[in-house]
């Protein structure tokens, strides 16, 4: 079952899509990786979905990626006496560390790390930025602030602190429990919410210990300041435009998206563009023209994958949303401007031999009009290096590792196939031609370009390039 597009689709599973029949319908419509959002649902709910996806994987005989998205440290106001209070510009309000059923003079904010980190002049954004206040004074257990943008503050609304780095682990007690549960299930990716600094990723890596890929969600301004280090320490990146758009000006988000996609491509790390991509399809069967353009822009930027959130999790048209995203990607990649834009955003050549070999494979395959590039990859690195070039030909990624085959469901252009280890050159050529024909990438007499690392099955050694004629 071959996808006739390069960019991948990630879809969030929720009440609208958690049945085995709907999961199959979404896969057939184009989903490559399913996202389990641990901010909602119970562990038992997620276990049922995971089992259904693995059963579907066996039925369709294709790898399917599973991404678990941890909730992370959610900062919220406490309980208000009248459930909601209205505040106006210029008013002074007070937050307190310890308090219940507060009012304007005692809004509960039960997060001691905030009181330890903020300073006068810092802003607090409440309810996705609908209310903005600026700190004017503080003590050990109170914060006084002036209202800049007024509105309603109601029970348990979220709080963002765009100018403040909190001494807060991205992994809460709930996250640690969910993480252990997800790793035991066998998820392929773990998404870390609210990453602020490189040490956050290091902390998670110690817990995950290679059992899943680490995806850092970029949604804090502090993360942007250390982005190169965070990308290097992560296995993938998600451009989480929801919270990022709350904490930085909306008009800055598109530029940051392009910067992040380019930086990930340069670092050979998959990157997902996420949040509200087809948001109107939560309630209507068709998207707005602006939403279609938004998805297309991510594809023109060279993103590895685009993601559906509420559209597939709780919307009324989950299958239609996936089919629409699939259609937009195909149309964009077929447009006459696509190749020239992708070529213009080439990240530049890396001078290391493995990158040079992978880049040469892509150029050679194009020059000789090969049918496909076949990448033997034990860790996914060889296929990722070829994908970095964003070649015009499909990438057939052959791996002996089932976990790697599933993780490559996020990698641009990669069609992963599970195979036993190869031992010698003759076996390499035989397998490459067999799978190229079986997976409908080539026919007898076609040329394919094979890239591999020797010695075989040793991760990270992309050092061999070969042109093969498929036997008739």
Protein backbone atom coordinates (compact mmCIF):
# COMPACT_ATOMS: atom_id res chain seq x y z
CA UNK A 1 0.00 0.00 0.00
CA UNK A 2 1.97 2.93 -1.32
CA UNK A 3 1.26 6.60 -0.57
CA UNK A 4 1.62 8.76 -3.66
CA UNK A 5 2.97 11.74 -1.75
CA UNK A 6 6.09 12.60 0.24
CA UNK A 7 4.86 14.49 3.34
CA UNK A 8 3.21 12.41 6.06
CA UNK A 9 -0.07 12.82 7.95
CA UNK A 10 -0.43 12.58 11.74
CA UNK A 11 -3.96 12.31 13.15
CA UNK A 12 -5.01 12.61 16.79
CA UNK A 13 -7.26 9.86 18.12
CA UNK A 14 -10.24 10.79 20.28
CA UNK A 15 -13.92 10.02 20.79
CA UNK A 16 -14.66 10.61 17.09
CA UNK A 17 -11.99 8.20 15.88
CA UNK A 18 -11.14 5.59 18.51
CA UNK A 19 -13.17 2.68 17.12
CA UNK A 20 -11.31 0.03 15.09
CA UNK A 21 -13.50 0.74 12.05
CA UNK A 22 -12.79 4.47 12.11
CA UNK A 23 -9.06 3.93 12.71
CA UNK A 24 -9.00 1.74 9.60
CA UNK A 25 -10.96 4.34 7.63
CA UNK A 26 -8.50 7.05 8.67
CA UNK A 27 -5.51 4.89 7.74
CA UNK A 28 -6.99 4.16 4.32
CA UNK A 29 -7.72 7.87 3.87
CA UNK A 30 -4.05 8.67 4.47
CA UNK A 31 -2.94 8.61 8.12
CA UNK A 32 0.67 7.50 8.58
CA UNK A 33 1.03 8.03 12.34
CA UNK A 34 -1.65 8.17 15.03
CA UNK A 35 -1.30 10.54 18.01
CA UNK A 36 -2.55 9.51 21.45
CA UNK A 37 -3.14 12.69 23.45
CA UNK A 38 -2.56 11.89 27.13
CA UNK A 39 -4.09 15.21 28.17
CA UNK A 40 -7.41 13.42 27.64
CA UNK A 41 -8.69 9.92 28.24
CA UNK A 42 -7.55 7.20 30.61
CA UNK A 43 -4.62 4.84 30.25
CA UNK A 44 -7.13 2.04 29.59
CA UNK A 45 -8.65 4.08 26.75
CA UNK A 46 -5.25 4.56 25.15
CA UNK A 47 -4.37 0.89 25.57
CA UNK A 48 -7.48 -0.10 23.59
CA UNK A 49 -6.58 2.31 20.79
CA UNK A 50 -2.97 1.10 20.75
CA UNK A 51 -4.13 -2.52 20.45
CA UNK A 52 -6.54 -1.61 17.65
CA UNK A 53 -3.79 0.17 15.70
CA UNK A 54 -1.40 -2.77 16.06
CA UNK A 55 -4.17 -5.13 14.89
CA UNK A 56 -4.79 -2.85 11.92
CA UNK A 57 -1.06 -2.85 11.18
CA UNK A 58 -1.11 -6.65 10.88
CA UNK A 59 -4.20 -6.55 8.70
CA UNK A 60 -2.84 -4.03 6.18
CA UNK A 61 0.74 -5.35 6.39
CA UNK A 62 2.18 -1.86 6.64
CA UNK A 63 3.99 -0.19 9.57
CA UNK A 64 1.93 2.44 11.40
CA UNK A 65 3.50 4.94 13.78
CA UNK A 66 2.08 5.69 17.23
CA UNK A 67 2.93 8.96 18.97
CA UNK A 68 2.09 9.48 22.64
CA UNK A 69 1.78 13.15 23.56
CA UNK A 70 2.36 13.84 27.26
CA UNK A 71 0.26 16.50 28.96
CA UNK A 72 3.16 18.31 30.58
CA UNK A 73 2.96 20.83 33.41
CA UNK A 74 -0.34 22.66 32.96
CA UNK A 75 -0.39 25.94 34.89
CA UNK A 76 -3.88 27.04 35.86
CA UNK A 77 -5.61 29.45 38.21
CA UNK A 78 -7.51 27.85 41.07
CA UNK A 79 -11.16 28.04 42.07
CA UNK A 80 -12.95 31.39 42.18
CA UNK A 81 -15.76 32.18 44.60
CA UNK A 82 -18.26 33.09 41.87
CA UNK A 83 -16.67 30.78 39.25
CA UNK A 84 -15.82 33.78 37.07
CA UNK A 85 -14.62 37.34 37.53
CA UNK A 86 -14.47 40.18 35.02
CA UNK A 87 -11.39 42.41 34.97
CA UNK A 88 -10.90 45.61 33.01
CA UNK A 89 -7.84 47.42 31.62
CA UNK A 90 -6.00 49.42 34.27
CA UNK A 91 -7.39 47.45 37.21
CA UNK A 92 -5.05 46.02 39.82
CA UNK A 93 -5.57 42.38 40.78
CA UNK A 94 -3.72 40.04 43.12
CA UNK A 95 -2.74 36.39 42.80
CA UNK A 96 -2.02 34.32 45.91
CA UNK A 97 -0.12 31.09 46.31
CA UNK A 98 -2.37 29.65 48.99
CA UNK A 99 -6.05 30.33 48.73
CA UNK A 100 -9.42 28.86 47.91
CA UNK A 101 -12.45 30.44 46.26
CA UNK A 102 -10.74 33.75 45.60
CA UNK A 103 -11.82 37.07 44.11
CA UNK A 104 -9.94 39.94 42.41
CA UNK A 105 -7.81 40.45 45.51
CA UNK A 106 -6.95 36.77 46.00
CA UNK A 107 -6.95 34.78 42.76
CA UNK A 108 -5.51 31.35 43.63
CA UNK A 109 -2.38 30.46 41.63
CA UNK A 110 -1.14 27.23 43.29
CA UNK A 111 2.24 27.05 41.55
CA UNK A 112 5.17 28.01 43.82
CA UNK A 113 7.61 27.86 40.89
CA UNK A 114 5.87 30.92 39.39
CA UNK A 115 6.35 32.98 42.54
CA UNK A 116 10.04 31.99 42.57
CA UNK A 117 10.65 32.94 38.93
CA UNK A 118 8.63 36.04 38.02
CA UNK A 119 9.69 39.66 38.38
CA UNK A 120 8.02 43.06 37.96
CA UNK A 121 7.42 43.73 34.27
CA UNK A 122 6.72 40.09 33.41
CA UNK A 123 3.37 39.32 31.78
CA UNK A 124 0.88 36.59 32.65
CA UNK A 125 -1.52 35.46 29.94
CA UNK A 126 -4.74 33.82 31.05
CA UNK A 127 -7.14 31.69 28.97
CA UNK A 128 -4.95 31.45 25.85
CA UNK A 129 -4.03 35.12 26.09
CA UNK A 130 -7.56 36.48 26.20
CA UNK A 131 -6.60 38.25 29.44
CA UNK A 132 -3.14 39.81 29.83
CA UNK A 133 -1.78 41.23 33.08
CA UNK A 134 1.63 42.74 33.93
CA UNK A 135 3.31 42.17 37.28
CA UNK A 136 3.87 45.35 39.32
CA UNK A 137 4.88 43.85 42.65
CA UNK A 138 5.31 40.56 44.44
CA UNK A 139 6.13 38.81 47.67
CA UNK A 140 6.85 35.26 48.71
CA UNK A 141 3.23 34.21 48.31
CA UNK A 142 1.50 37.02 46.42
CA UNK A 143 1.72 38.76 43.06
CA UNK A 144 0.18 42.13 42.25
CA UNK A 145 -0.54 42.87 38.60
CA UNK A 146 -2.08 45.51 36.38
CA UNK A 147 -4.61 44.40 33.78
CA UNK A 148 -3.41 45.22 30.26
CA UNK A 149 -6.10 43.38 28.29
CA UNK A 150 -9.34 42.82 30.17
CA UNK A 151 -11.83 40.01 30.02
CA UNK A 152 -13.19 37.15 32.10
CA UNK A 153 -11.11 34.91 34.35
CA UNK A 154 -12.91 31.70 35.23
CA UNK A 155 -12.11 28.56 37.20
CA UNK A 156 -9.01 26.59 36.24
CA UNK A 157 -8.15 28.57 33.11
CA UNK A 158 -4.63 28.09 31.79
CA UNK A 159 -1.84 30.56 32.47
CA UNK A 160 1.10 31.26 30.14
CA UNK A 161 4.27 33.13 31.12
CA UNK A 162 6.02 34.11 27.88
CA UNK A 163 8.89 36.04 29.44
CA UNK A 164 9.66 33.67 32.29
CA UNK A 165 11.74 30.50 32.49
CA UNK A 166 10.23 28.29 35.19
CA UNK A 167 12.33 25.83 37.16
CA UNK A 168 9.85 23.18 36.31
CA UNK A 169 10.40 19.70 34.93
CA UNK A 170 8.43 19.07 31.72
CA UNK A 171 7.50 15.71 33.24
CA UNK A 172 4.88 15.81 36.00
CA UNK A 173 3.98 12.87 38.23
CA UNK A 174 1.13 12.09 35.83
CA UNK A 175 3.51 12.29 32.86
CA UNK A 176 5.95 9.86 34.47
CA UNK A 177 3.15 7.39 35.09
CA UNK A 178 1.82 7.82 31.54
CA UNK A 179 5.34 7.55 30.09
CA UNK A 180 6.04 4.24 31.81
CA UNK A 181 2.65 2.98 30.66
CA UNK A 182 3.21 4.09 27.05
CA UNK A 183 6.69 2.62 26.85
CA UNK A 184 5.37 -0.70 28.14
CA UNK A 185 2.68 -0.59 25.46
CA UNK A 186 5.34 0.02 22.83
CA UNK A 187 4.68 3.52 21.47
CA UNK A 188 7.10 4.73 18.78
CA UNK A 189 7.37 8.40 19.72
CA UNK A 190 7.03 10.40 22.94
CA UNK A 191 6.15 14.08 22.57
CA UNK A 192 7.34 16.33 25.40
CA UNK A 193 5.11 19.32 26.14
CA UNK A 194 6.40 22.75 27.18
CA UNK A 195 10.11 22.07 26.63
CA UNK A 196 12.04 25.14 27.80
CA UNK A 197 15.71 24.14 27.76
CA UNK A 198 18.07 21.36 26.61
CA UNK A 199 18.18 19.77 30.06
CA UNK A 200 14.45 19.03 29.75
CA UNK A 201 15.19 16.72 26.81
CA UNK A 202 18.15 15.15 28.61
CA UNK A 203 15.92 14.37 31.61
CA UNK A 204 13.37 12.65 29.36
CA UNK A 205 16.05 10.73 27.47
CA UNK A 206 17.27 9.23 30.72
CA UNK A 207 13.79 7.89 31.43
CA UNK A 208 12.99 6.73 27.90
CA UNK A 209 16.40 5.09 27.43
CA UNK A 210 16.06 4.47 23.70
CA UNK A 211 12.68 2.73 23.89
CA UNK A 212 10.99 5.41 21.75
CA UNK A 213 11.94 8.48 19.74
CA UNK A 214 11.85 11.81 21.61
CA UNK A 215 9.85 14.61 20.01
CA UNK A 216 10.20 18.07 21.55
CA UNK A 217 7.17 20.32 21.18
CA UNK A 218 8.24 23.90 20.56
CA UNK A 219 5.65 26.11 22.25
CA UNK A 220 7.71 28.30 24.61
CA UNK A 221 9.80 31.39 23.72
CA UNK A 222 12.52 30.05 26.03
CA UNK A 223 12.85 26.99 23.76
CA UNK A 224 13.41 29.22 20.73
CA UNK A 225 16.39 30.80 22.49
CA UNK A 226 18.11 27.38 22.79
CA UNK A 227 16.58 25.81 19.73
CA UNK A 228 19.75 24.46 18.08
CA UNK A 229 20.71 22.52 21.22
CA UNK A 230 17.15 21.25 21.69
CA UNK A 231 16.98 20.03 18.08
CA UNK A 232 20.31 18.21 18.39
CA UNK A 233 19.20 16.45 21.59
CA UNK A 234 15.77 15.49 20.17
CA UNK A 235 14.86 12.85 17.61
CA UNK A 236 12.09 14.99 16.12
CA UNK A 237 10.42 18.37 16.60
CA UNK A 238 6.80 19.49 16.65
CA UNK A 239 6.00 23.10 15.80
CA UNK A 240 3.13 23.42 18.30
CA UNK A 241 1.62 26.64 17.05
CA UNK A 242 -1.21 26.77 19.59
CA UNK A 243 0.67 27.64 22.77
CA UNK A 244 3.53 29.18 20.77
CA UNK A 245 1.02 31.59 19.22
CA UNK A 246 -0.18 32.57 22.68
CA UNK A 247 3.31 33.34 23.98
CA UNK A 248 4.76 35.13 20.95
CA UNK A 249 2.93 37.58 18.65
CA UNK A 250 0.70 35.81 16.14
CA UNK A 251 2.42 37.56 13.26
CA UNK A 252 5.76 36.02 14.28
CA UNK A 253 4.50 32.41 14.13
CA UNK A 254 4.78 31.87 10.34
CA UNK A 255 8.39 33.02 10.29
CA UNK A 256 9.29 30.84 13.27
CA UNK A 257 7.62 27.90 11.54
CA UNK A 258 9.86 28.34 8.50
CA UNK A 259 12.96 28.74 10.68
CA UNK A 260 12.17 25.57 12.64
CA UNK A 261 11.43 23.48 9.55
CA UNK A 262 14.68 24.59 7.95
CA UNK A 263 16.71 24.00 11.13
CA UNK A 264 15.31 20.47 11.47
CA UNK A 265 16.03 19.69 7.84
CA UNK A 266 19.59 20.89 8.31
CA UNK A 267 19.95 18.72 11.43
CA UNK A 268 18.34 15.67 9.73
CA UNK A 269 15.47 15.53 12.22
CA UNK A 270 11.79 15.02 11.25
CA UNK A 271 9.56 18.03 11.91
CA UNK A 272 5.76 18.16 12.30
CA UNK A 273 3.70 21.31 11.78
CA UNK A 274 0.66 21.18 14.05
CA UNK A 275 -2.41 22.96 15.46
CA UNK A 276 -5.62 24.17 13.80
CA UNK A 277 -4.52 23.21 10.30
CA UNK A 278 -8.07 22.40 9.15
CA UNK A 279 -9.83 23.67 12.26
CA UNK A 280 -13.14 24.57 10.62
CA UNK A 281 -13.53 20.87 9.67
CA UNK A 282 -14.26 20.14 13.33
CA UNK A 283 -17.79 21.30 12.53
CA UNK A 284 -18.04 21.56 8.72
CA UNK A 285 -17.23 19.09 5.92
CA UNK A 286 -14.96 21.53 4.07
CA UNK A 287 -12.08 23.75 5.21
CA UNK A 288 -11.61 27.45 4.59
CA UNK A 289 -9.36 28.56 1.74
CA UNK A 290 -6.97 29.99 4.33
CA UNK A 291 -6.67 26.60 6.04
CA UNK A 292 -5.93 24.88 2.74
CA UNK A 293 -3.24 27.48 2.12
CA UNK A 294 -1.83 26.89 5.61
CA UNK A 295 -1.37 23.15 4.98
CA UNK A 296 0.14 23.86 1.55
CA UNK A 297 2.56 26.37 3.07
CA UNK A 298 3.89 23.72 5.47
CA UNK A 299 4.42 21.40 2.49
CA UNK A 300 6.19 24.11 0.49
CA UNK A 301 8.36 24.75 3.59
CA UNK A 302 9.47 21.09 3.42
CA UNK A 303 7.86 19.83 6.65
CA UNK A 304 8.06 16.06 7.14
CA UNK A 305 4.50 15.84 8.42
CA UNK A 306 1.37 17.86 9.10
CA UNK A 307 -1.00 17.09 11.96
CA UNK A 308 -4.72 17.03 12.69
CA UNK A 309 -5.83 17.64 16.28
CA UNK A 310 -9.49 18.20 17.15
CA UNK A 311 -10.38 17.67 13.48
CA UNK A 312 -9.80 13.92 13.83
CA UNK A 313 -10.13 13.54 17.62
CA UNK A 314 -13.50 15.10 18.32
CA UNK A 315 -14.72 16.62 15.08
CA UNK A 316 -17.75 15.60 13.07
CA UNK A 317 -15.77 14.80 9.93
CA UNK A 318 -12.56 12.95 10.87
CA UNK A 319 -12.26 10.85 7.71
CA UNK A 320 -13.05 13.81 5.49
CA UNK A 321 -10.40 15.90 7.26
CA UNK A 322 -7.74 13.25 6.63
CA UNK A 323 -8.81 12.85 3.00
CA UNK A 324 -8.71 16.63 2.53
CA UNK A 325 -5.20 16.85 4.00
CA UNK A 326 -4.07 14.00 1.76
CA UNK A 327 -5.52 15.78 -1.27
CA UNK A 328 -3.88 19.10 -0.37
CA UNK A 329 -0.47 17.47 0.03
CA UNK A 330 -0.72 15.62 -3.30
CA UNK A 331 -1.87 18.74 -5.13
CA UNK A 332 0.87 20.88 -3.60
CA UNK A 333 3.64 18.39 -4.35
CA UNK A 334 2.40 18.11 -7.95
CA UNK A 335 2.36 21.88 -8.51
CA UNK A 336 4.85 23.25 -11.01
CA UNK A 337 6.35 25.60 -8.39
CA UNK A 338 6.91 22.90 -5.74
CA UNK A 339 10.26 21.54 -6.90
CA UNK A 340 11.77 24.98 -7.47
CA UNK A 341 10.70 26.13 -3.98
CA UNK A 342 12.05 22.96 -2.35
CA UNK A 343 15.32 23.29 -4.27
CA UNK A 344 15.63 26.94 -3.28
CA UNK A 345 15.40 26.00 0.39
CA UNK A 346 18.12 23.34 0.29
CA UNK A 347 19.93 23.62 3.62
CA UNK A 348 23.41 23.35 2.07
CA UNK A 349 25.73 20.42 1.87
CA UNK A 350 27.11 18.80 4.99
CA UNK A 351 30.77 17.97 4.45
CA UNK A 352 30.75 14.67 6.33
CA UNK A 353 31.13 11.51 4.17
CA UNK A 354 27.75 9.96 5.19
CA UNK A 355 25.84 13.12 4.23
CA UNK A 356 27.84 13.51 1.03
CA UNK A 357 27.06 9.92 -0.01
CA UNK A 358 23.34 10.35 0.69
CA UNK A 359 23.27 13.64 -1.19
CA UNK A 360 25.14 12.11 -4.12
CA UNK A 361 22.63 9.25 -4.20
CA UNK A 362 19.76 11.70 -4.56
CA UNK A 363 21.54 13.69 -7.29
CA UNK A 364 22.64 10.59 -9.17
CA UNK A 365 19.18 9.02 -9.05
CA UNK A 366 17.70 12.18 -10.53
CA UNK A 367 20.39 12.48 -13.21
CA UNK A 368 19.92 8.93 -14.52
CA UNK A 369 16.11 9.02 -14.16
CA UNK A 370 16.09 6.15 -11.70
CA UNK A 371 12.74 4.88 -10.46
CA UNK A 372 13.60 5.03 -6.76
CA UNK A 373 16.30 5.42 -4.15
CA UNK A 374 16.65 2.33 -1.96
CA UNK A 375 18.16 3.05 1.46
CA UNK A 376 19.27 0.21 3.73
CA UNK A 377 18.99 1.57 7.24
CA UNK A 378 19.28 -0.12 10.64
CA UNK A 379 18.61 3.03 12.67
CA UNK A 380 16.80 5.21 10.13
CA UNK A 381 19.79 7.50 9.70
CA UNK A 382 20.65 6.60 6.09
CA UNK A 383 17.06 7.15 4.97
CA UNK A 384 16.93 10.45 6.92
CA UNK A 385 20.09 11.67 5.19
CA UNK A 386 18.58 10.96 1.79
CA UNK A 387 15.27 12.60 2.82
CA UNK A 388 17.18 15.72 3.92
CA UNK A 389 17.88 16.35 0.24
CA UNK A 390 14.12 16.19 -0.53
CA UNK A 391 14.73 14.26 -3.78
CA UNK A 392 12.15 14.14 -6.56
CA UNK A 393 12.20 10.32 -6.43
CA UNK A 394 10.56 8.10 -3.81
CA UNK A 395 12.69 6.64 -1.02
CA UNK A 396 12.30 2.93 -0.31
CA UNK A 397 13.70 2.46 3.21
CA UNK A 398 14.56 -1.16 4.04
CA UNK A 399 15.25 -1.97 7.69
CA UNK A 400 15.52 -5.09 9.87
CA UNK A 401 14.17 -3.16 12.86
CA UNK A 402 10.39 -3.03 13.36
CA UNK A 403 10.63 -0.01 15.68
CA UNK A 404 12.64 1.89 13.08
CA UNK A 405 10.15 1.02 10.33
CA UNK A 406 7.36 2.52 12.43
CA UNK A 407 9.30 5.66 13.32
CA UNK A 408 9.98 6.26 9.64
CA UNK A 409 6.23 6.74 9.21
CA UNK A 410 7.06 10.36 10.14
CA UNK A 411 9.97 10.75 7.72
CA UNK A 412 9.46 12.74 4.52
CA UNK A 413 9.30 10.57 1.41
CA UNK A 414 10.18 7.30 3.15
CA UNK A 415 8.23 4.14 2.38
CA UNK A 416 9.54 1.72 4.98
CA UNK A 417 9.74 -2.04 4.52
CA UNK A 418 10.73 -4.60 7.14
CA UNK A 419 13.37 -7.13 6.04
CA UNK A 420 15.93 -9.45 7.59
CA UNK A 421 19.54 -8.33 7.92
CA UNK A 422 21.65 -8.55 4.79
CA UNK A 423 25.08 -10.18 4.89
CA UNK A 424 26.75 -9.31 1.58
CA UNK A 425 26.60 -7.27 -1.62
CA UNK A 426 24.76 -9.89 -3.63
CA UNK A 427 22.03 -10.14 -1.03
CA UNK A 428 21.78 -6.34 -0.89
CA UNK A 429 21.17 -6.10 -4.64
CA UNK A 430 18.73 -9.02 -4.64
CA UNK A 431 16.63 -7.58 -1.79
CA UNK A 432 16.68 -4.06 -3.22
CA UNK A 433 15.34 -5.16 -6.60
CA UNK A 434 12.81 -7.54 -5.05
CA UNK A 435 11.28 -4.91 -2.80
CA UNK A 436 11.41 -2.20 -5.47
CA UNK A 437 9.22 -4.42 -7.68
CA UNK A 438 7.01 -5.77 -4.89
CA UNK A 439 6.25 -2.31 -3.52
CA UNK A 440 5.56 -1.01 -7.05
CA UNK A 441 8.46 1.42 -7.23
CA UNK A 442 10.14 -0.18 -10.25
CA UNK A 443 9.68 -2.68 -13.07
CA UNK A 444 12.08 -4.90 -14.99
CA UNK A 445 14.70 -2.86 -16.81
CA UNK A 446 14.38 0.20 -14.52
CA UNK A 447 17.34 1.68 -12.70
CA UNK A 448 17.42 2.09 -8.92
CA UNK A 449 20.08 3.72 -6.76
CA UNK A 450 20.98 1.79 -3.61
CA UNK A 451 22.60 3.50 -0.63
CA UNK A 452 23.83 1.61 2.42
CA UNK A 453 26.40 1.47 5.17
CA UNK A 454 29.18 -1.09 5.23
CA UNK A 455 29.68 -3.07 7.39
CA UNK A 456 25.96 -3.89 7.11
CA UNK A 457 23.63 -3.44 10.11
CA UNK A 458 25.93 -0.91 11.75
CA UNK A 459 24.04 2.27 12.58
CA UNK A 460 25.17 5.60 11.13
CA UNK A 461 27.57 4.37 8.44
CA UNK A 462 26.18 5.69 5.14
CA UNK A 463 29.20 5.04 2.91
CA UNK A 464 28.18 2.99 -0.12
CA UNK A 465 26.34 3.90 -3.31
CA UNK A 466 25.38 1.60 -6.15
CA UNK A 467 23.33 1.79 -9.36
CA UNK A 468 21.34 -1.40 -10.07
CA UNK A 469 19.27 -2.47 -13.06
CA UNK A 470 16.11 -4.29 -12.05
CA UNK A 471 16.06 -7.73 -13.75
CA UNK A 472 13.35 -8.24 -16.33
